[in-house]
Amino acid sequence: MDALKRIAIASSVIYSTVSSYARRAGMTIVDFMAIPKLARTFDVRIEEKSGN
């Protein structure tokens, strides 16, 4: 099983979403339900960036 498939299973995010995020240098469209799941899988925090 490839790494992206394992990430998709571990994060409960569909494979096509994980695969498309992995191929992109930047993102103009994101799945806001997938991002927190992926963050938990990689044990990273998401912080809100202040405009000030």
Protein backbone atom coordinates (compact mmCIF):
# COMPACT_ATOMS: atom_id res chain seq x y z
CA MET A 1 0.00 0.00 0.00
CA ASP A 2 1.41 3.38 -0.92
CA ALA A 3 1.99 6.22 1.54
CA LEU A 4 -0.89 8.38 0.30
CA LYS A 5 -3.33 5.48 0.67
CA ARG A 6 -2.14 4.95 4.27
CA ILE A 7 -2.57 8.67 5.00
CA ALA A 8 -6.07 8.62 3.54
CA ILE A 9 -7.04 5.65 5.70
CA ALA A 10 -5.43 7.06 8.87
CA SER A 11 -7.06 10.46 8.45
CA SER A 12 -10.45 9.27 7.13
CA VAL A 13 -10.02 11.61 4.17
CA ILE A 14 -10.82 10.24 0.73
CA TYR A 15 -7.78 9.19 -1.30
CA SER A 16 -8.44 11.57 -4.20
CA THR A 17 -8.32 14.55 -1.81
CA VAL A 18 -5.06 13.42 -0.20
CA SER A 19 -3.57 12.69 -3.62
CA SER A 20 -4.54 16.05 -5.10
CA TYR A 21 -3.15 17.94 -2.07
CA ALA A 22 0.13 16.03 -2.35
CA ARG A 23 0.57 16.94 -6.01
CA ARG A 24 -0.10 20.67 -5.67
CA ALA A 25 2.52 23.30 -4.91
CA GLY A 26 -0.25 25.59 -3.62
CA MET A 27 -3.95 25.35 -3.01
CA THR A 28 -6.68 27.70 -4.17
CA ILE A 29 -9.51 25.41 -3.05
CA VAL A 30 -9.42 23.36 0.15
CA ASP A 31 -11.77 20.95 1.85
CA PHE A 32 -12.20 22.50 5.28
CA MET A 33 -13.42 19.19 6.67
CA ALA A 34 -10.26 17.39 5.49
CA ILE A 35 -7.68 19.85 6.82
CA PRO A 36 -8.32 19.21 10.58
CA LYS A 37 -8.34 15.45 9.98
CA LEU A 38 -5.01 15.62 8.17
CA ALA A 39 -3.57 17.88 10.88
CA ARG A 40 -4.53 15.34 13.58
CA THR A 41 -2.99 12.53 11.53
CA PHE A 42 0.33 14.39 11.34
CA ASP A 43 0.02 15.69 14.92
CA VAL A 44 0.20 19.37 13.95
CA ARG A 45 -1.78 22.33 15.23
CA ILE A 46 -3.82 24.70 13.11
CA GLU A 47 -3.73 28.28 14.31
CA GLU A 48 -5.68 31.26 13.15
CA LYS A 49 -3.39 33.94 11.79
CA SER A 50 -4.20 37.43 13.03
CA GLY A 51 -4.31 40.25 10.52
CA ASN A 52 -2.62 42.61 12.99
